[in-house]
Amino acid sequence: MEKQVENFGLANRLASVRTVSMTGAEIVNNPDKAYEMIVKLSDTCAQKDGASCVILGGAALAGFPAILHERVSVPLIDNLAVTISTALTLAKYVPQPNRNQQTPSPKMGSQNLSPELF
């Protein structure tokens, strides 16, 4: 994770990477335990690592920021919500190519194709 952040040129913005010891299935089956773990880790990130916010990654943690925001000292960011929001924004504002104006692919030779494939 740290290497990916570094590759994006954001290493100086990363306070730490911490993980929960539960699997996604365990989080879904025991959310109260996961809540406690996230609150503790988030406060550790803020107090020991100097984080000004905590990004919660993983689909099993989706929705946790809305539930836990009053229990932690820094803002929690739901990475799934951010991903969906970004995708919707891109779908709405990024121009789509005009398929009618695209240059067709050059004709290429072929051998032994049935007439239906021409």
PDB file of N, CA and C in Angstrom:
ATOM      1  N   MET A   1       0.823  -1.185   0.000  1.00  0.00           N
ATOM      2  CA  MET A   1       0.000   0.000   0.000  1.00  0.00           C
ATOM      3  C   MET A   1       0.871   1.254   0.000  1.00  0.00           C
ATOM      4  N   GLU A   2       1.895   1.260   0.869  1.00  0.00           N
ATOM      5  CA  GLU A   2       2.770   2.430   0.942  1.00  0.00           C
ATOM      6  C   GLU A   2       3.440   2.696  -0.401  1.00  0.00           C
ATOM      7  N   LYS A   3       3.851   1.630  -1.084  1.00  0.00           N
ATOM      8  CA  LYS A   3       4.518   1.767  -2.386  1.00  0.00           C
ATOM      9  C   LYS A   3       3.563   2.372  -3.413  1.00  0.00           C
ATOM     10  N   GLN A   4       2.303   1.966  -3.399  1.00  0.00           N
ATOM     11  CA  GLN A   4       1.325   2.536  -4.332  1.00  0.00           C
ATOM     12  C   GLN A   4       1.145   4.024  -4.080  1.00  0.00           C
ATOM     13  N   VAL A   5       1.069   4.413  -2.827  1.00  0.00           N
ATOM     14  CA  VAL A   5       0.926   5.825  -2.480  1.00  0.00           C
ATOM     15  C   VAL A   5       2.159   6.595  -2.944  1.00  0.00           C
ATOM     16  N   GLU A   6       3.314   6.003  -2.734  1.00  0.00           N
ATOM     17  CA  GLU A   6       4.563   6.633  -3.186  1.00  0.00           C
ATOM     18  C   GLU A   6       4.569   6.785  -4.708  1.00  0.00           C
ATOM     19  N   ASN A   7       4.106   5.765  -5.418  1.00  0.00           N
ATOM     20  CA  ASN A   7       4.064   5.826  -6.881  1.00  0.00           C
ATOM     21  C   ASN A   7       3.160   6.949  -7.393  1.00  0.00           C
ATOM     22  N   PHE A   8       2.168   7.312  -6.630  1.00  0.00           N
ATOM     23  CA  PHE A   8       1.288   8.423  -6.994  1.00  0.00           C
ATOM     24  C   PHE A   8       1.862   9.772  -6.557  1.00  0.00           C
ATOM     25  N   GLY A   9       3.043   9.750  -5.929  1.00  0.00           N
ATOM     26  CA  GLY A   9       3.673  10.980  -5.494  1.00  0.00           C
ATOM     27  C   GLY A   9       3.052  11.574  -4.239  1.00  0.00           C
ATOM     28  N   LEU A  10       2.411  10.744  -3.433  1.00  0.00           N
ATOM     29  CA  LEU A  10       1.701  11.239  -2.250  1.00  0.00           C
ATOM     30  C   LEU A  10       2.263  10.706  -0.939  1.00  0.00           C
ATOM     31  N   ALA A  11       3.477  10.168  -0.972  1.00  0.00           N
ATOM     32  CA  ALA A  11       4.044   9.562   0.235  1.00  0.00           C
ATOM     33  C   ALA A  11       4.130  10.552   1.392  1.00  0.00           C
ATOM     34  N   ASN A  12       4.379  11.816   1.086  1.00  0.00           N
ATOM     35  CA  ASN A  12       4.481  12.812   2.155  1.00  0.00           C
ATOM     36  C   ASN A  12       3.128  13.149   2.781  1.00  0.00           C
ATOM     37  N   ARG A  13       2.048  12.658   2.193  1.00  0.00           N
ATOM     38  CA  ARG A  13       0.705  12.908   2.736  1.00  0.00           C
ATOM     39  C   ARG A  13       0.170  11.718   3.540  1.00  0.00           C
ATOM     40  N   LEU A  14       0.914  10.611   3.527  1.00  0.00           N
ATOM     41  CA  LEU A  14       0.470   9.383   4.190  1.00  0.00           C
ATOM     42  C   LEU A  14       1.054   9.310   5.595  1.00  0.00           C
ATOM     43  N   ALA A  15       0.189   9.284   6.592  1.00  0.00           N
ATOM     44  CA  ALA A  15       0.650   9.175   7.976  1.00  0.00           C
ATOM     45  C   ALA A  15       1.008   7.733   8.318  1.00  0.00           C
ATOM     46  N   SER A  16       0.172   6.785   7.890  1.00  0.00           N
ATOM     47  CA  SER A  16       0.416   5.375   8.207  1.00  0.00           C
ATOM     48  C   SER A  16      -0.574   4.498   7.453  1.00  0.00           C
ATOM     49  N   VAL A  17      -0.282   3.209   7.471  1.00  0.00           N
ATOM     50  CA  VAL A  17      -1.221   2.204   6.987  1.00  0.00           C
ATOM     51  C   VAL A  17      -1.370   1.192   8.112  1.00  0.00           C
ATOM     52  N   ARG A  18      -2.580   1.003   8.532  1.00  0.00           N
ATOM     53  CA  ARG A  18      -2.871   0.040   9.598  1.00  0.00           C
ATOM     54  C   ARG A  18      -4.004  -0.863   9.119  1.00  0.00           C
ATOM     55  N   THR A  19      -3.987  -2.088   9.574  1.00  0.00           N
ATOM     56  CA  THR A  19      -5.001  -3.040   9.126  1.00  0.00           C
ATOM     57  C   THR A  19      -5.704  -3.672  10.319  1.00  0.00           C
ATOM     58  N   VAL A  20      -6.936  -4.074  10.081  1.00  0.00           N
ATOM     59  CA  VAL A  20      -7.679  -4.826  11.092  1.00  0.00           C
ATOM     60  C   VAL A  20      -7.312  -6.298  10.952  1.00  0.00           C
ATOM     61  N   SER A  21      -7.408  -7.011  12.039  1.00  0.00           N
ATOM     62  CA  SER A  21      -7.034  -8.425  12.021  1.00  0.00           C
ATOM     63  C   SER A  21      -8.190  -9.334  11.623  1.00  0.00           C
ATOM     64  N   MET A  22      -9.302  -8.751  11.225  1.00  0.00           N
ATOM     65  CA  MET A  22     -10.482  -9.530  10.848  1.00  0.00           C
ATOM     66  C   MET A  22     -10.577  -9.626   9.326  1.00  0.00           C
ATOM     67  N   THR A  23     -11.106 -10.734   8.851  1.00  0.00           N
ATOM     68  CA  THR A  23     -11.389 -10.866   7.424  1.00  0.00           C
ATOM     69  C   THR A  23     -12.697 -10.137   7.107  1.00  0.00           C
ATOM     70  N   GLY A  24     -12.971  -9.962   5.838  1.00  0.00           N
ATOM     71  CA  GLY A  24     -14.231  -9.341   5.438  1.00  0.00           C
ATOM     72  C   GLY A  24     -15.434 -10.099   5.975  1.00  0.00           C
ATOM     73  N   ALA A  25     -15.384 -11.417   5.896  1.00  0.00           N
ATOM     74  CA  ALA A  25     -16.502 -12.233   6.400  1.00  0.00           C
ATOM     75  C   ALA A  25     -16.664 -12.074   7.905  1.00  0.00           C
ATOM     76  N   GLU A  26     -15.550 -12.009   8.627  1.00  0.00           N
ATOM     77  CA  GLU A  26     -15.625 -11.831  10.083  1.00  0.00           C
ATOM     78  C   GLU A  26     -16.209 -10.463  10.437  1.00  0.00           C
ATOM     79  N   ILE A  27     -15.862  -9.452   9.653  1.00  0.00           N
ATOM     80  CA  ILE A  27     -16.398  -8.111   9.884  1.00  0.00           C
ATOM     81  C   ILE A  27     -17.907  -8.109   9.685  1.00  0.00           C
ATOM     82  N   VAL A  28     -18.352  -8.748   8.631  1.00  0.00           N
ATOM     83  CA  VAL A  28     -19.795  -8.813   8.347  1.00  0.00           C
ATOM     84  C   VAL A  28     -20.525  -9.589   9.448  1.00  0.00           C
ATOM     85  N   ASN A  29     -19.922 -10.660   9.923  1.00  0.00           N
ATOM     86  CA  ASN A  29     -20.562 -11.487  10.944  1.00  0.00           C
ATOM     87  C   ASN A  29     -20.487 -10.908  12.351  1.00  0.00           C
ATOM     88  N   ASN A  30     -19.529 -10.012  12.596  1.00  0.00           N
ATOM     89  CA  ASN A  30     -19.376  -9.441  13.938  1.00  0.00           C
ATOM     90  C   ASN A  30     -19.026  -7.956  13.819  1.00  0.00           C
ATOM     91  N   PRO A  31     -19.970  -7.154  13.330  1.00  0.00           N
ATOM     92  CA  PRO A  31     -19.655  -5.736  13.108  1.00  0.00           C
ATOM     93  C   PRO A  31     -19.312  -4.973  14.390  1.00  0.00           C
ATOM     94  N   ASP A  32     -19.897  -5.344  15.517  1.00  0.00           N
ATOM     95  CA  ASP A  32     -19.597  -4.630  16.759  1.00  0.00           C
ATOM     96  C   ASP A  32     -18.120  -4.741  17.127  1.00  0.00           C
ATOM     97  N   LYS A  33     -17.562  -5.926  16.945  1.00  0.00           N
ATOM     98  CA  LYS A  33     -16.125  -6.118  17.203  1.00  0.00           C
ATOM     99  C   LYS A  33     -15.314  -5.267  16.222  1.00  0.00           C
ATOM    100  N   ALA A  34     -15.745  -5.247  14.969  1.00  0.00           N
ATOM    101  CA  ALA A  34     -15.052  -4.452  13.952  1.00  0.00           C
ATOM    102  C   ALA A  34     -15.148  -2.960  14.270  1.00  0.00           C
ATOM    103  N   TYR A  35     -16.301  -2.511  14.737  1.00  0.00           N
ATOM    104  CA  TYR A  35     -16.468  -1.101  15.102  1.00  0.00           C
ATOM    105  C   TYR A  35     -15.431  -0.706  16.160  1.00  0.00           C
ATOM    106  N   GLU A  36     -15.318  -1.528  17.179  1.00  0.00           N
ATOM    107  CA  GLU A  36     -14.363  -1.229  18.255  1.00  0.00           C
ATOM    108  C   GLU A  36     -12.941  -1.182  17.716  1.00  0.00           C
ATOM    109  N   MET A  37     -12.612  -2.120  16.862  1.00  0.00           N
ATOM    110  CA  MET A  37     -11.277  -2.177  16.283  1.00  0.00           C
ATOM    111  C   MET A  37     -10.988  -0.945  15.421  1.00  0.00           C
ATOM    112  N   ILE A  38     -11.962  -0.534  14.620  1.00  0.00           N
ATOM    113  CA  ILE A  38     -11.796   0.636  13.754  1.00  0.00           C
ATOM    114  C   ILE A  38     -11.659   1.912  14.581  1.00  0.00           C
ATOM    115  N   VAL A  39     -12.458   2.055  15.617  1.00  0.00           N
ATOM    116  CA  VAL A  39     -12.362   3.233  16.484  1.00  0.00           C
ATOM    117  C   VAL A  39     -10.961   3.304  17.094  1.00  0.00           C
ATOM    118  N   LYS A  40     -10.488   2.195  17.611  1.00  0.00           N
ATOM    119  CA  LYS A  40      -9.168   2.155  18.250  1.00  0.00           C
ATOM    120  C   LYS A  40      -8.061   2.463  17.239  1.00  0.00           C
ATOM    121  N   LEU A  41      -8.106   1.817  16.088  1.00  0.00           N
ATOM    122  CA  LEU A  41      -7.083   2.050  15.062  1.00  0.00           C
ATOM    123  C   LEU A  41      -7.127   3.477  14.530  1.00  0.00           C
ATOM    124  N   SER A  42      -8.310   4.015  14.349  1.00  0.00           N
ATOM    125  CA  SER A  42      -8.443   5.387  13.850  1.00  0.00           C
ATOM    126  C   SER A  42      -7.845   6.383  14.833  1.00  0.00           C
ATOM    127  N   ASP A  43      -8.122   6.190  16.099  1.00  0.00           N
ATOM    128  CA  ASP A  43      -7.546   7.085  17.108  1.00  0.00           C
ATOM    129  C   ASP A  43      -6.030   6.927  17.183  1.00  0.00           C
ATOM    130  N   THR A  44      -5.536   5.716  17.001  1.00  0.00           N
ATOM    131  CA  THR A  44      -4.083   5.502  16.964  1.00  0.00           C
ATOM    132  C   THR A  44      -3.475   6.232  15.775  1.00  0.00           C
ATOM    133  N   CYS A  45      -4.122   6.133  14.626  1.00  0.00           N
ATOM    134  CA  CYS A  45      -3.628   6.843  13.434  1.00  0.00           C
ATOM    135  C   CYS A  45      -3.563   8.345  13.689  1.00  0.00           C
ATOM    136  N   ALA A  46      -4.572   8.869  14.330  1.00  0.00           N
ATOM    137  CA  ALA A  46      -4.620  10.308  14.602  1.00  0.00           C
ATOM    138  C   ALA A  46      -3.605  10.715  15.664  1.00  0.00           C
ATOM    139  N   GLN A  47      -3.592  10.011  16.773  1.00  0.00           N
ATOM    140  CA  GLN A  47      -2.774  10.429  17.914  1.00  0.00           C
ATOM    141  C   GLN A  47      -1.300  10.061  17.778  1.00  0.00           C
ATOM    142  N   LYS A  48      -0.998   8.861  17.320  1.00  0.00           N
ATOM    143  CA  LYS A  48       0.397   8.424  17.221  1.00  0.00           C
ATOM    144  C   LYS A  48       1.034   8.767  15.883  1.00  0.00           C
ATOM    145  N   ASP A  49       0.232   8.679  14.806  1.00  0.00           N
ATOM    146  CA  ASP A  49       0.798   8.845  13.464  1.00  0.00           C
ATOM    147  C   ASP A  49       0.578  10.235  12.886  1.00  0.00           C
ATOM    148  N   GLY A  50      -0.271  11.021  13.525  1.00  0.00           N
ATOM    149  CA  GLY A  50      -0.523  12.379  13.049  1.00  0.00           C
ATOM    150  C   GLY A  50      -1.489  12.476  11.887  1.00  0.00           C
ATOM    151  N   ALA A  51      -2.312  11.464  11.676  1.00  0.00           N
ATOM    152  CA  ALA A  51      -3.280  11.485  10.570  1.00  0.00           C
ATOM    153  C   ALA A  51      -4.357  12.532  10.829  1.00  0.00           C
ATOM    154  N   SER A  52      -4.710  13.253   9.778  1.00  0.00           N
ATOM    155  CA  SER A  52      -5.789  14.244   9.901  1.00  0.00           C
ATOM    156  C   SER A  52      -7.125  13.657   9.445  1.00  0.00           C
ATOM    157  N   CYS A  53      -7.081  12.490   8.828  1.00  0.00           N
ATOM    158  CA  CYS A  53      -8.286  11.729   8.476  1.00  0.00           C
ATOM    159  C   CYS A  53      -7.867  10.283   8.298  1.00  0.00           C
ATOM    160  N   VAL A  54      -8.848   9.395   8.260  1.00  0.00           N
ATOM    161  CA  VAL A  54      -8.577   7.968   8.082  1.00  0.00           C
ATOM    162  C   VAL A  54      -9.447   7.455   6.942  1.00  0.00           C
ATOM    163  N   ILE A  55      -8.799   6.814   5.973  1.00  0.00           N
ATOM    164  CA  ILE A  55      -9.526   6.209   4.857  1.00  0.00           C
ATOM    165  C   ILE A  55      -9.752   4.751   5.201  1.00  0.00           C
ATOM    166  N   LEU A  56     -11.009   4.346   5.236  1.00  0.00           N
ATOM    167  CA  LEU A  56     -11.343   2.951   5.508  1.00  0.00           C
ATOM    168  C   LEU A  56     -11.460   2.215   4.181  1.00  0.00           C
ATOM    169  N   GLY A  57     -10.589   1.260   3.955  1.00  0.00           N
ATOM    170  CA  GLY A  57     -10.580   0.518   2.703  1.00  0.00           C
ATOM    171  C   GLY A  57     -11.160  -0.872   2.861  1.00  0.00           C
ATOM    172  N   GLY A  58     -11.811  -1.346   1.832  1.00  0.00           N
ATOM    173  CA  GLY A  58     -12.391  -2.680   1.848  1.00  0.00           C
ATOM    174  C   GLY A  58     -13.900  -2.623   1.867  1.00  0.00           C
ATOM    175  N   ALA A  59     -14.503  -3.448   1.056  1.00  0.00           N
ATOM    176  CA  ALA A  59     -15.964  -3.436   0.927  1.00  0.00           C
ATOM    177  C   ALA A  59     -16.679  -3.745   2.231  1.00  0.00           C
ATOM    178  N   ALA A  60     -16.064  -4.575   3.072  1.00  0.00           N
ATOM    179  CA  ALA A  60     -16.720  -4.926   4.342  1.00  0.00           C
ATOM    180  C   ALA A  60     -16.830  -3.726   5.279  1.00  0.00           C
ATOM    181  N   LEU A  61     -16.005  -2.697   5.043  1.00  0.00           N
ATOM    182  CA  LEU A  61     -16.039  -1.497   5.893  1.00  0.00           C
ATOM    183  C   LEU A  61     -16.920  -0.398   5.317  1.00  0.00           C
ATOM    184  N   ALA A  62     -17.560  -0.670   4.204  1.00  0.00           N
ATOM    185  CA  ALA A  62     -18.454   0.326   3.593  1.00  0.00           C
ATOM    186  C   ALA A  62     -19.561   0.687   4.583  1.00  0.00           C
ATOM    187  N   GLY A  63     -19.792   1.968   4.718  1.00  0.00           N
ATOM    188  CA  GLY A  63     -20.824   2.452   5.628  1.00  0.00           C
ATOM    189  C   GLY A  63     -20.347   2.699   7.049  1.00  0.00           C
ATOM    190  N   PHE A  64     -19.168   2.211   7.398  1.00  0.00           N
ATOM    191  CA  PHE A  64     -18.658   2.398   8.760  1.00  0.00           C
ATOM    192  C   PHE A  64     -18.468   3.868   9.127  1.00  0.00           C
ATOM    193  N   PRO A  65     -17.951   4.711   8.228  1.00  0.00           N
ATOM    194  CA  PRO A  65     -17.768   6.109   8.629  1.00  0.00           C
ATOM    195  C   PRO A  65     -19.051   6.774   9.127  1.00  0.00           C
ATOM    196  N   ALA A  66     -20.166   6.500   8.490  1.00  0.00           N
ATOM    197  CA  ALA A  66     -21.440   7.093   8.914  1.00  0.00           C
ATOM    198  C   ALA A  66     -21.838   6.607  10.305  1.00  0.00           C
ATOM    199  N   ILE A  67     -21.479   5.393  10.621  1.00  0.00           N
ATOM    200  CA  ILE A  67     -21.839   4.812  11.914  1.00  0.00           C
ATOM    201  C   ILE A  67     -20.897   5.279  13.024  1.00  0.00           C
ATOM    202  N   LEU A  68     -19.609   5.441  12.687  1.00  0.00           N
ATOM    203  CA  LEU A  68     -18.586   5.661  13.713  1.00  0.00           C
ATOM    204  C   LEU A  68     -18.070   7.094  13.828  1.00  0.00           C
ATOM    205  N   HIS A  69     -18.510   7.990  12.964  1.00  0.00           N
ATOM    206  CA  HIS A  69     -17.889   9.314  12.915  1.00  0.00           C
ATOM    207  C   HIS A  69     -17.917  10.065  14.249  1.00  0.00           C
ATOM    208  N   GLU A  70     -18.915   9.844  15.069  1.00  0.00           N
ATOM    209  CA  GLU A  70     -18.990  10.547  16.353  1.00  0.00           C
ATOM    210  C   GLU A  70     -18.093   9.926  17.420  1.00  0.00           C
ATOM    211  N   ARG A  71     -17.540   8.764  17.114  1.00  0.00           N
ATOM    212  CA  ARG A  71     -16.719   8.064  18.112  1.00  0.00           C
ATOM    213  C   ARG A  71     -15.220   8.230  17.892  1.00  0.00           C
ATOM    214  N   VAL A  72     -14.837   8.904  16.816  1.00  0.00           N
ATOM    215  CA  VAL A  72     -13.416   9.072  16.531  1.00  0.00           C
ATOM    216  C   VAL A  72     -13.066  10.553  16.445  1.00  0.00           C
ATOM    217  N   SER A  73     -11.777  10.846  16.588  1.00  0.00           N
ATOM    218  CA  SER A  73     -11.328  12.236  16.666  1.00  0.00           C
ATOM    219  C   SER A  73     -10.995  12.855  15.312  1.00  0.00           C
ATOM    220  N   VAL A  74     -11.005  12.070  14.255  1.00  0.00           N
ATOM    221  CA  VAL A  74     -10.712  12.584  12.910  1.00  0.00           C
ATOM    222  C   VAL A  74     -11.795  12.111  11.945  1.00  0.00           C
ATOM    223  N   PRO A  75     -11.943  12.791  10.805  1.00  0.00           N
ATOM    224  CA  PRO A  75     -12.920  12.334   9.820  1.00  0.00           C
ATOM    225  C   PRO A  75     -12.562  10.948   9.271  1.00  0.00           C
ATOM    226  N   LEU A  76     -13.577  10.138   9.063  1.00  0.00           N
ATOM    227  CA  LEU A  76     -13.413   8.830   8.433  1.00  0.00           C
ATOM    228  C   LEU A  76     -13.925   8.925   7.004  1.00  0.00           C
ATOM    229  N   ILE A  77     -13.176   8.339   6.087  1.00  0.00           N
ATOM    230  CA  ILE A  77     -13.542   8.380   4.669  1.00  0.00           C
ATOM    231  C   ILE A  77     -13.861   6.962   4.213  1.00  0.00           C
ATOM    232  N   ASP A  78     -15.008   6.807   3.610  1.00  0.00           N
ATOM    233  CA  ASP A  78     -15.480   5.518   3.089  1.00  0.00           C
ATOM    234  C   ASP A  78     -14.957   5.367   1.672  1.00  0.00           C
ATOM    235  N   ASN A  79     -13.941   4.498   1.466  1.00  0.00           N
ATOM    236  CA  ASN A  79     -13.339   4.416   0.140  1.00  0.00           C
ATOM    237  C   ASN A  79     -14.305   3.891  -0.915  1.00  0.00           C
ATOM    238  N   LEU A  80     -15.247   3.060  -0.538  1.00  0.00           N
ATOM    239  CA  LEU A  80     -16.214   2.568  -1.519  1.00  0.00           C
ATOM    240  C   LEU A  80     -17.134   3.700  -1.976  1.00  0.00           C
ATOM    241  N   ALA A  81     -17.582   4.525  -1.037  1.00  0.00           N
ATOM    242  CA  ALA A  81     -18.430   5.665  -1.405  1.00  0.00           C
ATOM    243  C   ALA A  81     -17.670   6.638  -2.299  1.00  0.00           C
ATOM    244  N   VAL A  82     -16.397   6.864  -1.995  1.00  0.00           N
ATOM    245  CA  VAL A  82     -15.577   7.762  -2.823  1.00  0.00           C
ATOM    246  C   VAL A  82     -15.398   7.181  -4.225  1.00  0.00           C
ATOM    247  N   THR A  83     -15.156   5.898  -4.306  1.00  0.00           N
ATOM    248  CA  THR A  83     -14.976   5.246  -5.608  1.00  0.00           C
ATOM    249  C   THR A  83     -16.237   5.360  -6.452  1.00  0.00           C
ATOM    250  N   ILE A  84     -17.378   5.082  -5.858  1.00  0.00           N
ATOM    251  CA  ILE A  84     -18.646   5.168  -6.592  1.00  0.00           C
ATOM    252  C   ILE A  84     -18.920   6.603  -7.014  1.00  0.00           C
ATOM    253  N   SER A  85     -18.696   7.542  -6.119  1.00  0.00           N
ATOM    254  CA  SER A  85     -18.915   8.947  -6.438  1.00  0.00           C
ATOM    255  C   SER A  85     -18.016   9.410  -7.583  1.00  0.00           C
ATOM    256  N   THR A  86     -16.766   8.991  -7.550  1.00  0.00           N
ATOM    257  CA  THR A  86     -15.830   9.346  -8.627  1.00  0.00           C
ATOM    258  C   THR A  86     -16.272   8.746  -9.951  1.00  0.00           C
ATOM    259  N   ALA A  87     -16.683   7.497  -9.933  1.00  0.00           N
ATOM    260  CA  ALA A  87     -17.142   6.847 -11.164  1.00  0.00           C
ATOM    261  C   ALA A  87     -18.372   7.552 -11.731  1.00  0.00           C
ATOM    262  N   LEU A  88     -19.306   7.927 -10.871  1.00  0.00           N
ATOM    263  CA  LEU A  88     -20.502   8.633 -11.339  1.00  0.00           C
ATOM    264  C   LEU A  88     -20.155  10.001 -11.917  1.00  0.00           C
ATOM    265  N   THR A  89     -19.221  10.691 -11.276  1.00  0.00           N
ATOM    266  CA  THR A  89     -18.788  11.988 -11.784  1.00  0.00           C
ATOM    267  C   THR A  89     -18.132  11.843 -13.150  1.00  0.00           C
ATOM    268  N   LEU A  90     -17.257  10.878 -13.284  1.00  0.00           N
ATOM    269  CA  LEU A  90     -16.596  10.653 -14.573  1.00  0.00           C
ATOM    270  C   LEU A  90     -17.604  10.280 -15.650  1.00  0.00           C
ATOM    271  N   ALA A  91     -18.555   9.436 -15.298  1.00  0.00           N
ATOM    272  CA  ALA A  91     -19.571   9.039 -16.275  1.00  0.00           C
ATOM    273  C   ALA A  91     -20.409  10.229 -16.724  1.00  0.00           C
ATOM    274  N   LYS A  92     -20.608  11.173 -15.832  1.00  0.00           N
ATOM    275  CA  LYS A  92     -21.442  12.329 -16.146  1.00  0.00           C
ATOM    276  C   LYS A  92     -20.688  13.411 -16.918  1.00  0.00           C
ATOM    277  N   TYR A  93     -19.415  13.647 -16.591  1.00  0.00           N
ATOM    278  CA  TYR A  93     -18.721  14.804 -17.126  1.00  0.00           C
ATOM    279  C   TYR A  93     -17.610  14.517 -18.137  1.00  0.00           C
ATOM    280  N   VAL A  94     -17.090  13.329 -18.169  1.00  0.00           N
ATOM    281  CA  VAL A  94     -16.032  13.027 -19.137  1.00  0.00           C
ATOM    282  C   VAL A  94     -16.683  12.782 -20.488  1.00  0.00           C
ATOM    283  N   PRO A  95     -16.258  13.535 -21.506  1.00  0.00           N
ATOM    284  CA  PRO A  95     -16.884  13.369 -22.826  1.00  0.00           C
ATOM    285  C   PRO A  95     -16.698  11.953 -23.354  1.00  0.00           C
ATOM    286  N   GLN A  96     -17.744  11.453 -23.941  1.00  0.00           N
ATOM    287  CA  GLN A  96     -17.691  10.139 -24.554  1.00  0.00           C
ATOM    288  C   GLN A  96     -17.271  10.287 -26.014  1.00  0.00           C
ATOM    289  N   PRO A  97     -16.514   9.340 -26.516  1.00  0.00           N
ATOM    290  CA  PRO A  97     -16.100   9.448 -27.915  1.00  0.00           C
ATOM    291  C   PRO A  97     -17.309   9.333 -28.850  1.00  0.00           C
ATOM    292  N   ASN A  98     -17.263  10.091 -29.923  1.00  0.00           N
ATOM    293  CA  ASN A  98     -18.301   9.997 -30.943  1.00  0.00           C
ATOM    294  C   ASN A  98     -17.952   8.820 -31.843  1.00  0.00           C
ATOM    295  N   ARG A  99     -18.647   7.759 -31.663  1.00  0.00           N
ATOM    296  CA  ARG A  99     -18.322   6.523 -32.387  1.00  0.00           C
ATOM    297  C   ARG A  99     -18.533   6.668 -33.904  1.00  0.00           C
ATOM    298  N   ASN A 100     -19.351   7.627 -34.319  1.00  0.00           N
ATOM    299  CA  ASN A 100     -19.582   7.841 -35.749  1.00  0.00           C
ATOM    300  C   ASN A 100     -18.412   8.541 -36.423  1.00  0.00           C
ATOM    301  N   GLN A 101     -17.589   9.232 -35.651  1.00  0.00           N
ATOM    302  CA  GLN A 101     -16.481   9.980 -36.223  1.00  0.00           C
ATOM    303  C   GLN A 101     -15.140   9.295 -36.027  1.00  0.00           C
ATOM    304  N   GLN A 102     -15.138   8.111 -35.468  1.00  0.00           N
ATOM    305  CA  GLN A 102     -13.882   7.412 -35.261  1.00  0.00           C
ATOM    306  C   GLN A 102     -13.347   6.873 -36.580  1.00  0.00           C
ATOM    307  N   THR A 103     -12.043   6.866 -36.693  1.00  0.00           N
ATOM    308  CA  THR A 103     -11.392   6.318 -37.875  1.00  0.00           C
ATOM    309  C   THR A 103     -11.502   4.802 -37.823  1.00  0.00           C
ATOM    310  N   PRO A 104     -11.995   4.201 -38.899  1.00  0.00           N
ATOM    311  CA  PRO A 104     -12.115   2.742 -38.876  1.00  0.00           C
ATOM    312  C   PRO A 104     -10.734   2.087 -38.868  1.00  0.00           C
ATOM    313  N   SER A 105     -10.693   0.905 -38.332  1.00  0.00           N
ATOM    314  CA  SER A 105      -9.445   0.142 -38.321  1.00  0.00           C
ATOM    315  C   SER A 105      -9.052  -0.180 -39.748  1.00  0.00           C
ATOM    316  N   PRO A 106      -7.749  -0.234 -40.018  1.00  0.00           N
ATOM    317  CA  PRO A 106      -7.325  -0.571 -41.376  1.00  0.00           C
ATOM    318  C   PRO A 106      -7.747  -1.996 -41.722  1.00  0.00           C
ATOM    319  N   LYS A 107      -8.017  -2.203 -43.017  1.00  0.00           N
ATOM    320  CA  LYS A 107      -8.395  -3.543 -43.469  1.00  0.00           C
ATOM    321  C   LYS A 107      -7.195  -4.466 -43.312  1.00  0.00           C
ATOM    322  N   MET A 108      -7.476  -5.608 -42.765  1.00  0.00           N
ATOM    323  CA  MET A 108      -6.410  -6.595 -42.587  1.00  0.00           C
ATOM    324  C   MET A 108      -6.797  -7.843 -43.354  1.00  0.00           C
ATOM    325  N   GLY A 109      -5.815  -8.492 -43.861  1.00  0.00           N
ATOM    326  CA  GLY A 109      -6.071  -9.736 -44.583  1.00  0.00           C
ATOM    327  C   GLY A 109      -6.490 -10.832 -43.627  1.00  0.00           C
ATOM    328  N   SER A 110      -7.197 -11.768 -44.121  1.00  0.00           N
ATOM    329  CA  SER A 110      -7.603 -12.924 -43.323  1.00  0.00           C
ATOM    330  C   SER A 110      -7.609 -14.156 -44.208  1.00  0.00           C
ATOM    331  N   GLN A 111      -7.550 -15.311 -43.598  1.00  0.00           N
ATOM    332  CA  GLN A 111      -7.554 -16.550 -44.348  1.00  0.00           C
ATOM    333  C   GLN A 111      -8.522 -17.531 -43.707  1.00  0.00           C
ATOM    334  N   ASN A 112      -9.147 -18.287 -44.536  1.00  0.00           N
ATOM    335  CA  ASN A 112     -10.002 -19.408 -44.129  1.00  0.00           C
ATOM    336  C   ASN A 112     -11.169 -19.003 -43.227  1.00  0.00           C
ATOM    337  N   LEU A 113     -11.687 -17.795 -43.404  1.00  0.00           N
ATOM    338  CA  LEU A 113     -12.866 -17.398 -42.643  1.00  0.00           C
ATOM    339  C   LEU A 113     -14.125 -17.706 -43.423  1.00  0.00           C
ATOM    340  N   SER A 114     -15.146 -18.067 -42.717  1.00  0.00           N
ATOM    341  CA  SER A 114     -16.413 -18.327 -43.390  1.00  0.00           C
ATOM    342  C   SER A 114     -16.990 -16.992 -43.887  1.00  0.00           C
ATOM    343  N   PRO A 115     -17.858 -17.018 -44.886  1.00  0.00           N
ATOM    344  CA  PRO A 115     -18.425 -15.778 -45.419  1.00  0.00           C
ATOM    345  C   PRO A 115     -19.159 -14.952 -44.373  1.00  0.00           C
ATOM    346  N   GLU A 116     -19.709 -15.607 -43.341  1.00  0.00           N
ATOM    347  CA  GLU A 116     -20.441 -14.888 -42.303  1.00  0.00           C
ATOM    348  C   GLU A 116     -19.527 -13.956 -41.492  1.00  0.00           C
ATOM    349  N   LEU A 117     -18.259 -14.249 -41.446  1.00  0.00           N
ATOM    350  CA  LEU A 117     -17.322 -13.445 -40.654  1.00  0.00           C
ATOM    351  C   LEU A 117     -16.741 -12.259 -41.425  1.00  0.00           C
ATOM    352  N   PHE A 118     -17.057 -12.148 -42.703  1.00  0.00           N
ATOM    353  CA  PHE A 118     -16.535 -11.022 -43.482  1.00  0.00           C
ATOM    354  C   PHE A 118     -17.385  -9.809 -43.289  1.00  0.00           C
TER     355      PHE A 118
END
